[in-house]
Structures are given as structure tokens and as C-alpha cells.
């Protein structure tokens, strides 16, 4: 009776795949729609990318335009002190840091500030607020001469107020003032001149390095750190330093006059505290900026005339230097070798 039953271990029959003709027909039917949808998606994506690129280019151009407008505005506007310069006030010019041709304490910057301070009808006096270790005697000499000239023209008093230090070239400038005020712990003096450098001759001999220097003119290699210093060159440099030192001394004596109490060390290059400077006649009395404005000038309102290089000016200089460097490199690359 059970002869027709399948065996217990027999596997179920496999599913029958659809006919090949049916699958091909389905693909043929869906093909055009699928391709069209894909092309539409790619087209819309490309359009979106182009829109984004255009928006970004427009933003960058607007940003550069805004930057250049700000740069022009910042270069032409130096700000306002917030005070009416026609009302009585004490004009302040800061001399801070190293005195040199490429610093904020250059002759160009300080003289421009001094001219504006002396010319303003409201300034009752001009105060040099000094905090400098010194620097270029040339720049200091130019400033000293111009300050004395402006004093004579405008008949306004000029005072110097020392904060931390007023040494070397800074003191060269300070002696143009009618009076010098210091803090008891200020550093004042250093009336001297120096020329510094290094010599590597002995080290080169130990390392077996030969210096090859060609010059046209027997003294063109003067002060070369890799060549031995000759007695003639040393004497020439010392004579030049002595001459500049005497110029410095003459300016100090002319500015301080009989107030100086000359000692053998006064012009030796030493520096002293503010209290000692008063005793030696290098300064007049203790006092700070507010004291001078209030008690001496009798005009407590302070107006700062100092010329500070703003951020835009620094950016402009760097931008200009970068363009110049790029132009030089491009010129060098474009020139054929001969």
C-alpha cells in the first residue's frame, strides 16, 4: 500500500526559475525609465555643484572687496583721541623701544608727532614719555635737532618723563627738553657709543676652515668677522667712536648746561638710578606723566600724538612685500639664460 510514497530522506523539489524570456522582457520594459531617472539625478547634482561654485566665487570676491575697502579706510584714518585738540591739554609723544629707522621710535615718526603736537593751538606743552634703552645716534641726533627747532618756533615748553629707562640714544633725545622728570628707580644715562661684532678666526683655524675673501680696496674687508682685526682698523674704528662720543657729550652739555655735576665717570657709559641722575644733574626731579600735566603744565587732559603703525598698515606692507618678491621671482624665471 505504501509503495507510491516518497522516501523520508528525499529533498523537496527546487523552485523553478522564471523563463529567460520573462526576465529579458521585464528589463526591456524598465530600462528607459531607469536610465532617464539616473540621468536626471546626475544633471540636477551637476547644476547644484555649479550653483555652489558660483556662490562661493561671489562670496570670495565680496570678501576681497570688503578687505580692500577696510584697508583703504584704515590707512587713511588714524583715529581720534576723543578730545577736542583746540581745548587746553598736555600733548604726549611716546618714545618706546629701540630707536631706529625702521621702528616706531624712528625720527620720521617722532618728528611727525612732534610737529602735530606743537602746531595744535590747544597744546599747552609737549611731553616726551620715554621708555627706551637707546639705539641709533643718527636718528637721535635728527630728533634732538628738530625738537629744539620746534620749541623755538612755537614757544612751547618741552618736558621729558622717564618711565623704566632713558639710556644712550634715548637720553640724547631727552636733553632737548626743558626739564627731565624721572622715577627714583628709573635707569638713566649710558652716555657712550659702542660698535659690536664677533671674530671667528681662531675657531676657523681649529676646524680647518679657510676664509676666501676677495676685495677691491685694501680696507673693504674692514670688520669682517672671519678675518683677523688689524691694528690699523682697530685704531680707525676707535677714532670714529671717540668722535661720535664727543658729539654726544656736546649735546648733553648744551642741553643740561650748569645743572650737570661733572665727574670722571659721568660720560663713561655708566648708567644710574633716577635718584642718582637727579644728584648728578642728568635729571631735574621726581615725577610721572600725570604729575607733570597736573602740576607743571596745569592742563590735566592728556592727548596722545604718538604715531602707531596699525594692523592695516602692517598688512599693507607685508602684502606689498609679497607682491614685490613675487614680481622679482617671476622676472628671474622669465629671463632666459645667456
Protein backbone atom coordinates (compact mmCIF):
# COMPACT_ATOMS: atom_id res chain seq x y z
CA UNK A 1 0.00 0.00 0.00
CA UNK A 2 2.90 2.40 0.64
CA UNK A 3 4.82 1.67 -2.50
CA UNK A 4 3.89 5.06 -4.01
CA UNK A 5 5.10 7.22 -1.03
CA UNK A 6 8.41 9.11 -1.47
CA UNK A 7 11.28 8.07 0.76
CA UNK A 8 11.64 10.01 4.07
CA UNK A 9 15.05 11.40 3.17
CA UNK A 10 14.06 12.82 -0.20
CA UNK A 11 14.67 16.65 -0.63
CA UNK A 12 11.80 18.98 -1.64
CA UNK A 13 11.74 19.90 -5.27
CA UNK A 14 13.76 23.07 -6.22
CA UNK A 15 11.91 26.25 -7.22
CA UNK A 16 11.52 26.58 -10.87
CA UNK A 17 13.30 29.76 -12.22
CA UNK A 18 11.24 32.05 -14.39
CA UNK A 19 11.74 31.66 -18.01
CA UNK A 20 14.58 33.69 -19.50
CA UNK A 21 12.21 35.33 -21.91
CA UNK A 22 10.17 36.77 -18.99
CA UNK A 23 13.27 38.43 -17.28
CA UNK A 24 14.52 39.96 -20.51
CA UNK A 25 11.07 41.36 -21.18
CA UNK A 26 10.93 42.98 -17.71
CA UNK A 27 14.35 44.60 -18.18
CA UNK A 28 13.41 45.83 -21.58
CA UNK A 29 10.25 47.36 -20.14
CA UNK A 30 12.06 49.10 -17.15
CA UNK A 31 15.26 50.10 -18.99
CA UNK A 32 14.32 53.53 -20.43
CA UNK A 33 12.70 54.72 -17.16
CA UNK A 34 15.71 53.69 -15.07
CA UNK A 35 18.19 55.42 -17.40
CA UNK A 36 16.09 58.57 -17.52
CA UNK A 37 15.88 58.78 -13.71
CA UNK A 38 19.64 58.27 -13.38
CA UNK A 39 20.40 60.98 -15.94
CA UNK A 40 18.04 63.39 -14.21
CA UNK A 41 19.74 62.82 -10.87
CA UNK A 42 23.19 63.40 -12.38
CA UNK A 43 22.01 66.54 -14.16
CA UNK A 44 20.47 68.04 -11.02
CA UNK A 45 23.61 67.21 -8.99
CA UNK A 46 25.80 68.95 -11.61
CA UNK A 47 23.56 72.03 -11.55
CA UNK A 48 23.75 72.19 -7.74
CA UNK A 49 27.53 71.97 -7.83
CA UNK A 50 27.71 74.79 -10.38
CA UNK A 51 25.40 76.94 -8.23
CA UNK A 52 27.53 76.30 -5.16
CA UNK A 53 30.70 77.16 -7.07
CA UNK A 54 29.17 80.42 -8.33
CA UNK A 55 28.01 81.36 -4.84
CA UNK A 56 31.47 80.63 -3.41
CA UNK A 57 33.21 82.72 -6.11
CA UNK A 58 30.84 85.59 -5.44
CA UNK A 59 31.48 85.34 -1.70
CA UNK A 60 35.26 85.33 -2.18
CA UNK A 61 35.11 88.37 -4.46
CA UNK A 62 32.93 90.26 -1.99
CA UNK A 63 35.26 89.30 0.84
CA UNK A 64 38.31 90.63 -1.05
CA UNK A 65 36.41 93.81 -1.93
CA UNK A 66 35.46 94.32 1.72
CA UNK A 67 39.06 93.68 2.77
CA UNK A 68 40.46 96.30 0.38
CA UNK A 69 37.81 98.83 1.41
CA UNK A 70 38.73 98.26 5.05
CA UNK A 71 42.43 98.51 4.19
CA UNK A 72 41.99 101.85 2.43
CA UNK A 73 39.85 103.16 5.28
CA UNK A 74 42.32 102.05 7.93
CA UNK A 75 45.29 103.54 6.09
CA UNK A 76 43.62 106.91 5.72
CA UNK A 77 42.08 107.09 9.20
CA UNK A 78 44.37 107.38 12.20
CA UNK A 79 41.64 107.63 14.73
CA UNK A 80 40.65 110.30 17.18
CA UNK A 81 41.89 110.86 20.67
CA UNK A 82 38.34 111.53 21.80
CA UNK A 83 39.34 115.05 22.83
CA UNK A 84 39.00 118.40 21.21
CA UNK A 85 42.55 119.40 20.37
CA UNK A 86 41.64 123.06 20.48
CA UNK A 87 40.89 122.89 24.21
CA UNK A 88 43.84 123.20 26.64
CA UNK A 89 45.66 119.90 27.04
CA UNK A 90 49.07 118.30 27.52
CA UNK A 91 50.44 116.76 24.33
CA UNK A 92 52.14 113.38 24.81
CA UNK A 93 54.60 111.64 22.48
CA UNK A 94 55.74 108.15 23.44
CA UNK A 95 59.32 107.08 22.70
CA UNK A 96 59.34 103.38 23.42
CA UNK A 97 61.68 100.56 22.46
CA UNK A 98 64.69 100.71 20.19
CA UNK A 99 65.32 103.97 18.37
CA UNK A 100 66.00 103.21 14.71
CA UNK A 101 64.93 103.99 11.14
CA UNK A 102 62.52 101.05 10.85
CA UNK A 103 60.91 101.25 14.28
CA UNK A 104 58.00 103.15 15.81
CA UNK A 105 60.64 105.28 17.57
CA UNK A 106 62.15 106.45 14.29
CA UNK A 107 62.99 110.06 13.55
CA UNK A 108 60.26 110.14 10.90
CA UNK A 109 57.52 109.01 13.30
CA UNK A 110 58.58 111.10 16.29
CA UNK A 111 59.13 114.30 14.30
CA UNK A 112 55.73 113.96 12.59
CA UNK A 113 54.09 113.55 16.00
CA UNK A 114 56.05 116.49 17.43
CA UNK A 115 55.03 118.81 14.60
CA UNK A 116 51.36 117.99 15.13
CA UNK A 117 51.69 118.44 18.90
CA UNK A 118 53.42 121.81 18.68
CA UNK A 119 51.10 123.12 15.96
CA UNK A 120 47.81 122.39 17.76
CA UNK A 121 46.54 125.53 19.44
CA UNK A 122 45.23 123.64 22.46
CA UNK A 123 48.52 122.01 23.45
CA UNK A 124 49.99 123.90 26.40
CA UNK A 125 53.20 121.85 26.44
CA UNK A 126 54.69 118.74 24.83
CA UNK A 127 55.82 115.80 26.96
CA UNK A 128 58.15 113.06 25.73
CA UNK A 129 57.15 109.88 27.57
CA UNK A 130 60.36 107.83 27.34
CA UNK A 131 60.93 104.15 27.93
CA UNK A 132 63.85 103.17 25.71
CA UNK A 133 67.31 101.59 26.08
CA UNK A 134 68.65 103.64 23.16
CA UNK A 135 69.51 102.89 19.58
CA UNK A 136 70.78 104.86 16.59
CA UNK A 137 72.76 108.04 17.36
CA UNK A 138 71.87 109.32 13.89
CA UNK A 139 68.12 109.04 14.49
CA UNK A 140 68.52 110.53 17.96
CA UNK A 141 70.52 113.46 16.59
CA UNK A 142 67.88 114.23 13.96
CA UNK A 143 65.11 114.14 16.58
CA UNK A 144 67.07 116.31 19.02
CA UNK A 145 67.72 118.98 16.39
CA UNK A 146 64.10 119.07 15.21
CA UNK A 147 62.67 119.27 18.73
CA UNK A 148 64.86 122.26 19.54
CA UNK A 149 63.76 123.93 16.31
CA UNK A 150 60.07 123.38 17.06
CA UNK A 151 60.48 124.73 20.59
CA UNK A 152 61.98 127.92 19.23
CA UNK A 153 59.22 128.39 16.62
CA UNK A 154 56.16 127.71 18.77
CA UNK A 155 57.49 128.96 22.11
CA UNK A 156 56.00 125.99 23.97
CA UNK A 157 57.75 124.12 26.78
CA UNK A 158 59.05 120.61 26.16
CA UNK A 159 59.36 118.13 29.02
CA UNK A 160 60.71 114.58 29.23
CA UNK A 161 59.20 112.00 31.58
CA UNK A 162 61.19 108.80 32.06
CA UNK A 163 59.42 105.58 33.00
CA UNK A 164 61.61 102.45 33.02
CA UNK A 165 64.71 103.61 31.17
CA UNK A 166 66.19 106.52 29.27
CA UNK A 167 69.63 105.40 28.16
CA UNK A 168 72.10 106.15 25.40
CA UNK A 169 70.29 107.49 22.30
CA UNK A 170 67.08 107.94 24.32
CA UNK A 171 68.93 110.28 26.68
CA UNK A 172 70.38 112.02 23.61
CA UNK A 173 66.76 112.93 22.77
CA UNK A 174 65.75 113.73 26.34
CA UNK A 175 68.32 116.51 26.77
CA UNK A 176 66.40 118.59 24.20
CA UNK A 177 63.69 119.02 26.86
CA UNK A 178 63.49 121.97 29.25
CA UNK A 179 63.22 119.64 32.24
CA UNK A 180 63.59 115.87 32.74
CA UNK A 181 61.38 114.04 35.25
CA UNK A 182 62.20 110.52 36.43
CA UNK A 183 61.07 107.83 38.84
CA UNK A 184 63.51 107.16 41.65
CA UNK A 185 64.17 103.69 40.18
CA UNK A 186 64.40 104.70 36.50
CA UNK A 187 67.57 103.85 34.58
CA UNK A 188 69.21 106.99 33.17
CA UNK A 189 72.48 107.72 31.41
CA UNK A 190 74.79 105.43 29.44
CA UNK A 191 76.40 108.37 27.66
CA UNK A 192 78.67 106.44 25.35
CA UNK A 193 78.96 104.80 21.94
CA UNK A 194 79.66 101.20 21.01
CA UNK A 195 80.39 99.10 17.95
CA UNK A 196 79.97 95.38 18.40
CA UNK A 197 80.71 92.23 16.45
CA UNK A 198 82.32 88.79 16.60
CA UNK A 199 85.55 87.23 15.43
CA UNK A 200 85.72 83.58 14.34
CA UNK A 201 89.34 83.39 13.19
CA UNK A 202 90.56 81.07 15.97
CA UNK A 203 87.56 78.76 15.60
CA UNK A 204 88.11 78.53 11.84
CA UNK A 205 91.74 77.57 12.39
CA UNK A 206 90.71 74.77 14.77
CA UNK A 207 88.12 73.47 12.33
CA UNK A 208 90.47 73.75 9.38
CA UNK A 209 88.27 76.23 7.51
CA UNK A 210 89.91 78.60 5.06
CA UNK A 211 88.39 82.05 4.53
CA UNK A 212 88.48 83.20 0.89
CA UNK A 213 87.67 86.91 0.68
CA UNK A 214 88.37 88.96 -2.43
CA UNK A 215 88.19 92.75 -2.23
CA UNK A 216 88.89 95.74 -4.44
CA UNK A 217 90.25 98.26 -1.97
CA UNK A 218 92.59 97.31 0.84
CA UNK A 219 90.09 98.22 3.58
CA UNK A 220 86.93 96.81 2.02
CA UNK A 221 87.08 93.79 4.33
CA UNK A 222 87.10 96.05 7.39
CA UNK A 223 85.24 94.43 10.35
CA UNK A 224 84.85 91.12 8.51
CA UNK A 225 84.25 88.62 11.37
CA UNK A 226 86.17 85.85 9.57
CA UNK A 227 89.34 87.89 9.08
CA UNK A 228 91.83 88.94 11.78
CA UNK A 229 91.46 92.51 13.00
CA UNK A 230 94.45 94.69 12.18
CA UNK A 231 95.77 97.40 14.48
CA UNK A 232 95.12 99.99 11.80
CA UNK A 233 91.46 99.01 11.54
CA UNK A 234 91.06 98.98 15.31
CA UNK A 235 92.52 102.48 15.61
CA UNK A 236 90.32 103.78 12.81
CA UNK A 237 87.15 102.38 14.42
CA UNK A 238 88.16 103.74 17.84
CA UNK A 239 88.80 107.21 16.40
CA UNK A 240 85.35 107.20 14.80
CA UNK A 241 83.68 106.09 18.05
CA UNK A 242 85.54 108.77 20.01
CA UNK A 243 84.31 111.43 17.61
CA UNK A 244 80.67 110.33 17.91
CA UNK A 245 81.10 110.17 21.70
CA UNK A 246 82.28 113.76 21.77
CA UNK A 247 79.27 114.79 19.70
CA UNK A 248 77.04 113.07 22.28
CA UNK A 249 78.82 114.82 25.16
CA UNK A 250 78.48 118.22 23.48
CA UNK A 251 74.72 117.72 23.03
CA UNK A 252 74.32 116.71 26.69
CA UNK A 253 76.31 119.70 27.93
CA UNK A 254 74.34 122.07 25.69
CA UNK A 255 71.03 120.65 26.90
CA UNK A 256 71.78 120.39 30.61
CA UNK A 257 74.15 123.30 30.99
CA UNK A 258 75.20 124.22 34.54
CA UNK A 259 72.88 121.62 36.05
CA UNK A 260 75.47 118.92 35.28
CA UNK A 261 77.79 117.92 38.09
CA UNK A 262 80.64 116.53 36.05
CA UNK A 263 82.54 113.57 37.45
CA UNK A 264 85.18 111.35 35.81
CA UNK A 265 82.50 108.69 35.21
CA UNK A 266 79.67 110.92 34.00
CA UNK A 267 80.42 110.35 30.31
CA UNK A 268 81.96 106.89 30.68
CA UNK A 269 78.90 104.95 29.56
CA UNK A 270 77.69 104.11 33.06
CA UNK A 271 74.02 104.45 33.93
CA UNK A 272 72.36 105.43 37.20
CA UNK A 273 69.05 105.23 39.03
CA UNK A 274 66.63 108.12 38.76
CA UNK A 275 67.60 109.39 42.20
CA UNK A 276 71.30 109.33 41.31
CA UNK A 277 70.56 111.01 37.98
CA UNK A 278 68.98 113.94 39.82
CA UNK A 279 72.04 114.26 42.06
CA UNK A 280 74.34 114.27 39.00
CA UNK A 281 72.20 116.82 37.15
CA UNK A 282 71.19 114.36 34.43
CA UNK A 283 67.56 114.82 35.53
CA UNK A 284 65.69 117.54 37.39
CA UNK A 285 63.21 115.97 39.78
CA UNK A 286 60.93 113.03 40.51
CA UNK A 287 57.61 112.99 38.71
CA UNK A 288 55.39 110.99 36.39
CA UNK A 289 53.22 111.97 33.43
CA UNK A 290 50.12 112.81 35.45
CA UNK A 291 52.14 114.91 37.88
CA UNK A 292 53.73 116.93 35.08
CA UNK A 293 50.38 117.51 33.34
CA UNK A 294 48.63 118.48 36.56
CA UNK A 295 51.27 120.41 38.50
CA UNK A 296 53.68 121.71 35.86
CA UNK A 297 51.70 122.23 32.67
CA UNK A 298 48.42 122.92 34.53
CA UNK A 299 46.48 121.01 31.86
CA UNK A 300 45.40 117.61 33.18
CA UNK A 301 43.81 116.42 29.94
CA UNK A 302 46.26 114.26 28.01
CA UNK A 303 46.24 113.89 24.22
CA UNK A 304 48.49 111.22 22.70
CA UNK A 305 50.08 112.28 19.42
CA UNK A 306 52.23 109.15 19.02
CA UNK A 307 52.20 107.64 15.54
CA UNK A 308 51.43 103.94 15.90
CA UNK A 309 51.53 101.60 12.93
CA UNK A 310 48.10 99.96 12.81
CA UNK A 311 47.24 96.44 11.71
CA UNK A 312 46.16 97.57 8.24
CA UNK A 313 49.48 99.30 7.63
CA UNK A 314 51.36 96.17 8.66
CA UNK A 315 49.19 94.05 6.36
CA UNK A 316 49.71 96.50 3.53
CA UNK A 317 53.48 96.39 3.94
CA UNK A 318 53.51 92.60 4.02
CA UNK A 319 51.15 92.44 1.06
CA UNK A 320 53.33 94.86 -0.89
CA UNK A 321 56.49 92.98 0.02
CA UNK A 322 54.90 89.69 -1.07
CA UNK A 323 53.85 91.19 -4.41
CA UNK A 324 57.33 92.66 -4.93
CA UNK A 325 59.01 89.37 -4.12
CA UNK A 326 56.67 87.52 -6.45
CA UNK A 327 57.37 90.01 -9.25
CA UNK A 328 61.13 89.62 -8.81
CA UNK A 329 60.86 85.83 -8.89
CA UNK A 330 58.65 85.96 -11.97
CA UNK A 331 61.14 88.27 -13.68
CA UNK A 332 64.01 85.94 -12.82
CA UNK A 333 62.14 82.92 -14.13
CA UNK A 334 61.10 84.69 -17.33
CA UNK A 335 64.65 85.75 -18.17
CA UNK A 336 66.39 83.20 -20.42
CA UNK A 337 69.86 82.06 -19.52
CA UNK A 338 72.61 83.69 -21.52
